[in-house]
Amino acid sequence: MTDRVDINRVLLEMRALKSQTQAFSKPEFLSSEDRIQKGENVNGPKFSDLMSQAINKVNEVQQASSSLSKAYIQGDPKVDITDVMIASQKAGVAFDAMVQVRNKLVEAYKDVMNMPV
């Protein structure tokens, strides 16, 4: 149960970081929609959209793993222990990767904030 609390805490931290980056966005940085309206070329999706998708995907993997393990514990004959273990490992790998990305983002943010102006 401790792992679940840590996962939720990290997800909350990442969402808070995302909201902080949106709160401090400057008007000279136009969104993709604004660039399209002005006729400018948009090269790809916004970073915040990609981060949101990644966080949501990790959350989905965690929930799928949890529901699969609950079904196995409740004695569902359709659920095999190997499926439960594979889902658990996938969830662990996805979470570890997300934590590493978060750590790199925080480190990069601190580096930028410490740059002399």
C-alpha atoms as a PDB file:
ATOM      1  CA  MET A   1       0.000   0.000   0.000  1.00  0.00           C
ATOM      2  CA  THR A   2       2.969   2.300   0.572  1.00  0.00           C
ATOM      3  CA  ASP A   3       3.904   2.047  -3.117  1.00  0.00           C
ATOM      4  CA  ARG A   4       0.429   3.239  -4.119  1.00  0.00           C
ATOM      5  CA  VAL A   5       0.706   6.303  -1.880  1.00  0.00           C
ATOM      6  CA  ASP A   6       4.093   7.162  -3.380  1.00  0.00           C
ATOM      7  CA  ILE A   7       2.730   6.796  -6.905  1.00  0.00           C
ATOM      8  CA  ASN A   8      -0.144   9.137  -6.180  1.00  0.00           C
ATOM      9  CA  ARG A   9       2.207  11.641  -4.547  1.00  0.00           C
ATOM     10  CA  VAL A  10       4.495  11.684  -7.574  1.00  0.00           C
ATOM     11  CA  LEU A  11       1.538  12.035  -9.934  1.00  0.00           C
ATOM     12  CA  LEU A  12       0.304  14.982  -7.885  1.00  0.00           C
ATOM     13  CA  GLU A  13       3.753  16.577  -7.945  1.00  0.00           C
ATOM     14  CA  MET A  14       4.001  16.198 -11.725  1.00  0.00           C
ATOM     15  CA  ARG A  15       0.556  17.693 -12.225  1.00  0.00           C
ATOM     16  CA  ALA A  16       1.502  20.588  -9.920  1.00  0.00           C
ATOM     17  CA  LEU A  17       4.664  21.206 -11.948  1.00  0.00           C
ATOM     18  CA  LYS A  18       2.602  21.177 -15.116  1.00  0.00           C
ATOM     19  CA  SER A  19       0.159  23.714 -13.709  1.00  0.00           C
ATOM     20  CA  GLN A  20       3.046  25.926 -12.554  1.00  0.00           C
ATOM     21  CA  THR A  21       4.556  25.963 -16.025  1.00  0.00           C
ATOM     22  CA  GLN A  22       1.205  26.952 -17.471  1.00  0.00           C
ATOM     23  CA  ALA A  23       0.718  29.672 -14.838  1.00  0.00           C
ATOM     24  CA  PHE A  24       4.057  31.294 -15.628  1.00  0.00           C
ATOM     25  CA  SER A  25       3.719  31.152 -19.400  1.00  0.00           C
ATOM     26  CA  LYS A  26       4.448  34.461 -21.079  1.00  0.00           C
ATOM     27  CA  PRO A  27       2.230  36.047 -23.709  1.00  0.00           C
ATOM     28  CA  GLU A  28       5.027  36.096 -26.295  1.00  0.00           C
ATOM     29  CA  PHE A  29       4.908  32.299 -26.377  1.00  0.00           C
ATOM     30  CA  LEU A  30       1.844  31.598 -28.453  1.00  0.00           C
ATOM     31  CA  SER A  31      -0.105  28.373 -28.212  1.00  0.00           C
ATOM     32  CA  SER A  32      -0.443  26.061 -31.203  1.00  0.00           C
ATOM     33  CA  GLU A  33      -4.004  27.274 -31.756  1.00  0.00           C
ATOM     34  CA  ASP A  34      -2.855  30.932 -31.874  1.00  0.00           C
ATOM     35  CA  ARG A  35      -0.092  30.063 -34.354  1.00  0.00           C
ATOM     36  CA  ILE A  36      -2.558  28.261 -36.592  1.00  0.00           C
ATOM     37  CA  GLN A  37      -4.909  31.252 -36.553  1.00  0.00           C
ATOM     38  CA  LYS A  38      -2.025  33.561 -37.552  1.00  0.00           C
ATOM     39  CA  GLY A  39      -1.044  31.204 -40.366  1.00  0.00           C
ATOM     40  CA  GLU A  40       2.292  30.202 -38.832  1.00  0.00           C
ATOM     41  CA  ASN A  41       3.746  26.727 -39.201  1.00  0.00           C
ATOM     42  CA  VAL A  42       3.228  24.477 -36.185  1.00  0.00           C
ATOM     43  CA  ASN A  43       5.826  21.726 -35.976  1.00  0.00           C
ATOM     44  CA  GLY A  44       4.195  19.461 -33.441  1.00  0.00           C
ATOM     45  CA  PRO A  45       2.195  19.040 -30.260  1.00  0.00           C
ATOM     46  CA  LYS A  46       2.737  21.166 -27.181  1.00  0.00           C
ATOM     47  CA  PHE A  47       5.048  19.850 -24.492  1.00  0.00           C
ATOM     48  CA  SER A  48       2.334  20.094 -21.842  1.00  0.00           C
ATOM     49  CA  ASP A  49       0.057  17.916 -23.979  1.00  0.00           C
ATOM     50  CA  LEU A  50       2.756  15.279 -24.319  1.00  0.00           C
ATOM     51  CA  MET A  51       3.412  15.301 -20.579  1.00  0.00           C
ATOM     52  CA  SER A  52      -0.293  14.987 -19.815  1.00  0.00           C
ATOM     53  CA  GLN A  53      -0.613  12.041 -22.172  1.00  0.00           C
ATOM     54  CA  ALA A  54       2.413  10.332 -20.634  1.00  0.00           C
ATOM     55  CA  ILE A  55       1.129  10.813 -17.079  1.00  0.00           C
ATOM     56  CA  ASN A  56      -2.314   9.555 -18.044  1.00  0.00           C
ATOM     57  CA  LYS A  57      -0.819   6.500 -19.773  1.00  0.00           C
ATOM     58  CA  VAL A  58       1.232   5.594 -16.693  1.00  0.00           C
ATOM     59  CA  ASN A  59      -1.872   6.032 -14.563  1.00  0.00           C
ATOM     60  CA  GLU A  60      -3.841   3.709 -16.882  1.00  0.00           C
ATOM     61  CA  VAL A  61      -1.112   1.051 -16.686  1.00  0.00           C
ATOM     62  CA  GLN A  62      -1.095   1.327 -12.872  1.00  0.00           C
ATOM     63  CA  GLN A  63      -4.883   0.994 -12.684  1.00  0.00           C
ATOM     64  CA  ALA A  64      -4.921  -1.972 -15.074  1.00  0.00           C
ATOM     65  CA  SER A  65      -2.275  -3.712 -12.987  1.00  0.00           C
ATOM     66  CA  SER A  66      -4.214  -3.019  -9.800  1.00  0.00           C
ATOM     67  CA  SER A  67      -7.505  -4.317 -11.203  1.00  0.00           C
ATOM     68  CA  LEU A  68      -5.805  -7.427 -12.566  1.00  0.00           C
ATOM     69  CA  SER A  69      -4.205  -8.203  -9.211  1.00  0.00           C
ATOM     70  CA  LYS A  70      -7.522  -7.615  -7.405  1.00  0.00           C
ATOM     71  CA  ALA A  71      -9.246 -10.014  -9.783  1.00  0.00           C
ATOM     72  CA  TYR A  72      -6.570 -12.647  -9.124  1.00  0.00           C
ATOM     73  CA  ILE A  73      -6.814 -12.182  -5.357  1.00  0.00           C
ATOM     74  CA  GLN A  74     -10.602 -12.536  -5.532  1.00  0.00           C
ATOM     75  CA  GLY A  75     -10.131 -15.885  -7.284  1.00  0.00           C
ATOM     76  CA  ASP A  76     -11.163 -15.071 -10.842  1.00  0.00           C
ATOM     77  CA  PRO A  77     -10.357 -18.251 -12.837  1.00  0.00           C
ATOM     78  CA  LYS A  78      -9.771 -16.224 -16.047  1.00  0.00           C
ATOM     79  CA  VAL A  79      -6.794 -14.365 -14.532  1.00  0.00           C
ATOM     80  CA  ASP A  80      -3.441 -16.123 -14.574  1.00  0.00           C
ATOM     81  CA  ILE A  81      -0.627 -15.292 -12.154  1.00  0.00           C
ATOM     82  CA  THR A  82       1.762 -14.708 -15.061  1.00  0.00           C
ATOM     83  CA  ASP A  83      -0.543 -12.011 -16.435  1.00  0.00           C
ATOM     84  CA  VAL A  84      -0.663 -10.368 -13.021  1.00  0.00           C
ATOM     85  CA  MET A  85       3.129 -10.395 -12.690  1.00  0.00           C
ATOM     86  CA  ILE A  86       3.684  -9.076 -16.222  1.00  0.00           C
ATOM     87  CA  ALA A  87       1.194  -6.244 -15.643  1.00  0.00           C
ATOM     88  CA  SER A  88       2.869  -5.453 -12.331  1.00  0.00           C
ATOM     89  CA  GLN A  89       6.306  -5.296 -13.946  1.00  0.00           C
ATOM     90  CA  LYS A  90       5.016  -3.102 -16.779  1.00  0.00           C
ATOM     91  CA  ALA A  91       3.486  -0.729 -14.242  1.00  0.00           C
ATOM     92  CA  GLY A  92       6.732  -0.630 -12.276  1.00  0.00           C
ATOM     93  CA  VAL A  93       8.845   0.091 -15.346  1.00  0.00           C
ATOM     94  CA  ALA A  94       6.433   2.802 -16.535  1.00  0.00           C
ATOM     95  CA  PHE A  95       6.443   4.448 -13.129  1.00  0.00           C
ATOM     96  CA  ASP A  96      10.236   4.323 -12.826  1.00  0.00           C
ATOM     97  CA  ALA A  97      10.590   5.898 -16.255  1.00  0.00           C
ATOM     98  CA  MET A  98       8.140   8.632 -15.315  1.00  0.00           C
ATOM     99  CA  VAL A  99      10.052   9.363 -12.113  1.00  0.00           C
ATOM    100  CA  GLN A 100      13.308   9.631 -14.070  1.00  0.00           C
ATOM    101  CA  VAL A 101      11.714  12.061 -16.536  1.00  0.00           C
ATOM    102  CA  ARG A 102      10.349  14.103 -13.656  1.00  0.00           C
ATOM    103  CA  ASN A 103      13.770  14.200 -11.996  1.00  0.00           C
ATOM    104  CA  LYS A 104      15.403  15.378 -15.221  1.00  0.00           C
ATOM    105  CA  LEU A 105      12.748  18.056 -15.702  1.00  0.00           C
ATOM    106  CA  VAL A 106      13.182  19.340 -12.161  1.00  0.00           C
ATOM    107  CA  GLU A 107      16.958  19.345 -12.596  1.00  0.00           C
ATOM    108  CA  ALA A 108      16.668  21.261 -15.883  1.00  0.00           C
ATOM    109  CA  TYR A 109      14.253  23.728 -14.295  1.00  0.00           C
ATOM    110  CA  LYS A 110      16.671  24.362 -11.430  1.00  0.00           C
ATOM    111  CA  ASP A 111      19.530  24.847 -13.896  1.00  0.00           C
ATOM    112  CA  VAL A 112      17.527  27.400 -15.840  1.00  0.00           C
ATOM    113  CA  MET A 113      16.491  29.242 -12.691  1.00  0.00           C
ATOM    114  CA  ASN A 114      20.117  29.405 -11.508  1.00  0.00           C
ATOM    115  CA  MET A 115      21.379  30.890 -14.773  1.00  0.00           C
ATOM    116  CA  PRO A 116      22.678  34.428 -14.494  1.00  0.00           C
ATOM    117  CA  VAL A 117      20.604  36.955 -16.397  1.00  0.00           C
END
